C-alpha atoms as a PDB file:
ATOM      1  CA  MET A   1      -0.048   0.012  -0.106  1.00  0.00           C
ATOM      2  CA  LEU A   2       1.510   3.399  -1.003  1.00  0.00           C
ATOM      3  CA  ILE A   3       1.300   6.112   1.544  1.00  0.00           C
ATOM      4  CA  PRO A   4       0.709   9.481  -0.223  1.00  0.00           C
ATOM      5  CA  HIS A   5       2.923  12.377   0.509  1.00  0.00           C
ATOM      6  CA  SER A   6       1.951  16.061   0.782  1.00  0.00           C
ATOM      7  CA  SER A   7       2.001  17.825  -2.411  1.00  0.00           C
ATOM      8  CA  SER A   8       4.453  20.307  -1.156  1.00  0.00           C
ATOM      9  CA  LEU A   9       6.963  17.548  -0.471  1.00  0.00           C
ATOM     10  CA  ALA A  10       6.395  15.626  -3.465  1.00  0.00           C
ATOM     11  CA  SER A  11       7.020  18.841  -5.749  1.00  0.00           C
ATOM     12  CA  ARG A  12      10.205  19.846  -3.904  1.00  0.00           C
ATOM     13  CA  PRO A  13      13.451  17.887  -4.981  1.00  0.00           C
ATOM     14  CA  MET A  14      15.019  15.807  -2.089  1.00  0.00           C
ATOM     15  CA  THR A  15      18.468  16.887  -1.487  1.00  0.00           C
ATOM     16  CA  GLU A  16      19.402  14.454   1.317  1.00  0.00           C
ATOM     17  CA  ALA A  17      19.419  10.955   2.241  1.00  0.00           C
ATOM     18  CA  ARG A  18      20.272   8.823   5.199  1.00  0.00           C
ATOM     19  CA  MET A  19      21.149   5.312   5.609  1.00  0.00           C
ATOM     20  CA  THR A  20      22.397   3.256   8.726  1.00  0.00           C
ATOM     21  CA  GLU A  21      24.886   0.234   8.737  1.00  0.00           C
ATOM     22  CA  ILE A  22      26.363  -1.885  11.439  1.00  0.00           C
ATOM     23  CA  VAL A  23      29.969  -2.745  11.289  1.00  0.00           C
ATOM     24  CA  PHE A  24      30.107  -6.558  11.461  1.00  0.00           C
ATOM     25  CA  PRO A  25      33.257  -8.649  11.592  1.00  0.00           C
ATOM     26  CA  ASP A  26      33.349  -9.236   7.880  1.00  0.00           C
ATOM     27  CA  HIS A  27      33.589  -5.458   7.148  1.00  0.00           C
ATOM     28  CA  THR A  28      36.945  -4.933   9.287  1.00  0.00           C
ATOM     29  CA  ASN A  29      40.431  -5.192   8.906  1.00  0.00           C
ATOM     30  CA  HIS A  30      42.919  -7.200  11.185  1.00  0.00           C
ATOM     31  CA  LEU A  31      42.970  -4.183  13.727  1.00  0.00           C
ATOM     32  CA  GLY A  32      39.231  -4.795  13.900  1.00  0.00           C
ATOM     33  CA  THR A  33      38.150  -1.365  12.696  1.00  0.00           C
ATOM     34  CA  LEU A  34      35.967  -0.839   9.121  1.00  0.00           C
ATOM     35  CA  PHE A  35      37.973  -1.336   5.904  1.00  0.00           C
ATOM     36  CA  GLY A  36      38.415   1.883   4.278  1.00  0.00           C
ATOM     37  CA  GLY A  37      37.216   0.492   1.009  1.00  0.00           C
ATOM     38  CA  GLN A  38      33.874  -0.583   2.916  1.00  0.00           C
ATOM     39  CA  ALA A  39      33.589   2.983   4.174  1.00  0.00           C
ATOM     40  CA  LEU A  40      33.912   4.233   0.534  1.00  0.00           C
ATOM     41  CA  ALA A  41      31.455   1.794  -0.948  1.00  0.00           C
ATOM     42  CA  TRP A  42      28.859   2.757   1.739  1.00  0.00           C
ATOM     43  CA  MET A  43      29.690   6.536   1.219  1.00  0.00           C
ATOM     44  CA  ASP A  44      29.138   6.037  -2.745  1.00  0.00           C
ATOM     45  CA  LYS A  45      25.790   4.035  -2.266  1.00  0.00           C
ATOM     46  CA  ALA A  46      24.467   7.108  -0.314  1.00  0.00           C
ATOM     47  CA  ALA A  47      25.835   9.706  -2.609  1.00  0.00           C
ATOM     48  CA  PHE A  48      23.846   7.554  -5.310  1.00  0.00           C
ATOM     49  CA  ILE A  49      20.736   7.526  -3.437  1.00  0.00           C
ATOM     50  CA  ALA A  50      20.586  11.265  -2.694  1.00  0.00           C
ATOM     51  CA  ALA A  51      21.582  12.172  -6.415  1.00  0.00           C
ATOM     52  CA  SER A  52      19.111   9.596  -7.678  1.00  0.00           C
ATOM     53  CA  ARG A  53      16.268  10.880  -5.394  1.00  0.00           C
ATOM     54  CA  TYR A  54      17.147  14.546  -6.444  1.00  0.00           C
ATOM     55  CA  ALA A  55      17.582  14.230 -10.197  1.00  0.00           C
ATOM     56  CA  ARG A  56      14.983  11.424 -10.478  1.00  0.00           C
ATOM     57  CA  ARG A  57      17.272   9.899 -13.065  1.00  0.00           C
ATOM     58  CA  THR A  58      19.699   6.999 -13.407  1.00  0.00           C
ATOM     59  CA  VAL A  59      23.097   8.386 -11.929  1.00  0.00           C
ATOM     60  CA  VAL A  60      26.622   7.104 -12.032  1.00  0.00           C
ATOM     61  CA  THR A  61      29.659   7.968  -9.961  1.00  0.00           C
ATOM     62  CA  ALA A  62      31.929  10.003 -12.115  1.00  0.00           C
ATOM     63  CA  ARG A  63      34.473  10.971  -9.140  1.00  0.00           C
ATOM     64  CA  SER A  64      35.184  10.697  -5.669  1.00  0.00           C
ATOM     65  CA  GLU A  65      37.419  13.307  -4.000  1.00  0.00           C
ATOM     66  CA  GLN A  66      38.886  14.595  -0.832  1.00  0.00           C
ATOM     67  CA  ILE A  67      37.890  11.749   1.211  1.00  0.00           C
ATOM     68  CA  ASP A  68      39.016  12.392   4.967  1.00  0.00           C
ATOM     69  CA  PHE A  69      39.213   9.593   7.309  1.00  0.00           C
ATOM     70  CA  HIS A  70      38.833  11.334  10.798  1.00  0.00           C
ATOM     71  CA  LEU A  71      38.443   8.241  13.077  1.00  0.00           C
ATOM     72  CA  PRO A  72      38.514   4.658  13.091  1.00  0.00           C
ATOM     73  CA  VAL A  73      35.124   2.784  13.266  1.00  0.00           C
ATOM     74  CA  PRO A  74      35.337  -0.467  15.443  1.00  0.00           C
ATOM     75  CA  LYS A  75      33.571  -3.624  15.013  1.00  0.00           C
ATOM     76  CA  GLY A  76      29.978  -3.451  16.351  1.00  0.00           C
ATOM     77  CA  ALA A  77      29.542   0.363  15.731  1.00  0.00           C
ATOM     78  CA  LEU A  78      26.574   1.862  14.007  1.00  0.00           C
ATOM     79  CA  VAL A  79      27.452   4.092  11.108  1.00  0.00           C
ATOM     80  CA  GLU A  80      25.021   6.725   9.776  1.00  0.00           C
ATOM     81  CA  LEU A  81      25.675   8.067   6.400  1.00  0.00           C
ATOM     82  CA  ILE A  82      24.218  11.481   5.689  1.00  0.00           C
ATOM     83  CA  ALA A  83      24.571  12.458   2.039  1.00  0.00           C
ATOM     84  CA  ARG A  84      23.671  15.933   0.718  1.00  0.00           C
ATOM     85  CA  VAL A  85      23.400  17.154  -2.781  1.00  0.00           C
ATOM     86  CA  VAL A  86      25.224  20.708  -2.369  1.00  0.00           C
ATOM     87  CA  GLU A  87      25.972  21.889  -5.965  1.00  0.00           C
ATOM     88  CA  THR A  88      24.607  21.048  -9.422  1.00  0.00           C
ATOM     89  CA  GLY A  89      26.038  21.485 -12.787  1.00  0.00           C
ATOM     90  CA  ARG A  90      24.408  20.934 -16.199  1.00  0.00           C
ATOM     91  CA  THR A  91      24.240  17.039 -15.743  1.00  0.00           C
ATOM     92  CA  SER A  92      26.256  16.514 -12.507  1.00  0.00           C
ATOM     93  CA  MET A  93      25.741  16.846  -8.922  1.00  0.00           C
ATOM     94  CA  GLN A  94      28.213  17.287  -6.041  1.00  0.00           C
ATOM     95  CA  VAL A  95      27.348  15.342  -3.004  1.00  0.00           C
ATOM     96  CA  GLU A  96      28.874  15.321   0.317  1.00  0.00           C
ATOM     97  CA  VAL A  97      28.663  12.517   2.467  1.00  0.00           C
ATOM     98  CA  GLU A  98      29.397  12.316   6.197  1.00  0.00           C
ATOM     99  CA  MET A  99      29.697   9.049   7.927  1.00  0.00           C
ATOM    100  CA  ILE A 100      28.997   9.142  11.648  1.00  0.00           C
ATOM    101  CA  ARG A 101      30.239   6.467  14.007  1.00  0.00           C
ATOM    102  CA  GLU A 102      27.914   5.538  16.764  1.00  0.00           C
ATOM    103  CA  ASP A 103      28.518   3.466  19.911  1.00  0.00           C
ATOM    104  CA  LEU A 104      25.541   1.137  19.943  1.00  0.00           C
ATOM    105  CA  LEU A 105      25.417   0.849  23.815  1.00  0.00           C
ATOM    106  CA  THR A 106      26.361   4.354  24.953  1.00  0.00           C
ATOM    107  CA  GLY A 107      24.771   6.417  22.008  1.00  0.00           C
ATOM    108  CA  GLU A 108      27.850   8.480  21.615  1.00  0.00           C
ATOM    109  CA  SER A 109      28.458   9.738  18.000  1.00  0.00           C
ATOM    110  CA  GLN A 110      31.336  11.148  16.064  1.00  0.00           C
ATOM    111  CA  LEU A 111      32.299  12.323  12.656  1.00  0.00           C
ATOM    112  CA  ALA A 112      34.426   9.369  11.329  1.00  0.00           C
ATOM    113  CA  THR A 113      34.768  10.076   7.637  1.00  0.00           C
ATOM    114  CA  ARG A 114      33.964  12.813   5.094  1.00  0.00           C
ATOM    115  CA  GLY A 115      33.887  13.030   1.487  1.00  0.00           C
ATOM    116  CA  ARG A 116      32.451  14.528  -1.614  1.00  0.00           C
ATOM    117  CA  PHE A 117      31.447  12.608  -4.815  1.00  0.00           C
ATOM    118  CA  THR A 118      30.637  13.798  -8.444  1.00  0.00           C
ATOM    119  CA  MET A 119      27.525  12.024  -9.825  1.00  0.00           C
ATOM    120  CA  ILE A 120      26.303  12.285 -13.355  1.00  0.00           C
ATOM    121  CA  ALA A 121      22.565  11.913 -14.399  1.00  0.00           C
ATOM    122  CA  LEU A 122      21.983   9.663 -17.496  1.00  0.00           C
ATOM    123  CA  ASP A 123      18.844   9.409 -19.800  1.00  0.00           C
ATOM    124  CA  VAL A 124      17.494   6.229 -21.011  1.00  0.00           C
ATOM    125  CA  GLU A 125      19.981   6.002 -23.643  1.00  0.00           C
ATOM    126  CA  GLY A 126      22.749   6.196 -21.057  1.00  0.00           C
ATOM    127  CA  LYS A 127      23.955   9.810 -22.153  1.00  0.00           C
ATOM    128  CA  PRO A 128      24.496  12.650 -19.673  1.00  0.00           C
ATOM    129  CA  THR A 129      21.131  14.441 -19.290  1.00  0.00           C
ATOM    130  CA  ALA A 130      20.293  17.779 -17.287  1.00  0.00           C
ATOM    131  CA  VAL A 131      19.613  17.971 -13.776  1.00  0.00           C
ATOM    132  CA  PRO A 132      17.412  20.698 -12.093  1.00  0.00           C
ATOM    133  CA  PRO A 133      19.137  23.674 -10.287  1.00  0.00           C
ATOM    134  CA  LEU A 134      19.192  23.412  -6.683  1.00  0.00           C
ATOM    135  CA  PRO A 135      16.629  25.760  -5.015  1.00  0.00           C
ATOM    136  CA  ALA A 136      18.082  29.172  -4.133  1.00  0.00           C
ATOM    137  CA  ALA A 137      17.759  28.404  -0.449  1.00  0.00           C
ATOM    138  CA  GLN A 138      20.186  25.531  -0.637  1.00  0.00           C
ATOM    139  CA  ALA A 139      22.661  26.744  -3.544  1.00  0.00           C
END
């Protein structure tokens, strides 16, 4: 069953997406902390979701840049990924992603990793296609 949204929400492009993961042993390195590659995969996925929802198009990752690993994420921690479309070009979107680590037992949370991804919108033929400009309040 579909739950209708208010027309004001449906007509406004969504610029943010959030997802939550838990760090299981198979996500970790020999030190018991999250593999950097796994962190990047989750961040890319969050960027993909944010860009896809914003553009309402198929999107692909064109670039990841300025990935800063601030803190290690231990096995058993929750991570919340917050992805925001912060800039648009003709066919591209810049998406900033923050990965917040959270201790499942205490609730303490800290910024673990931050990065920026360039996503490209594609048409049905797989060619780059226009994306809407960001609303003035968010640009």
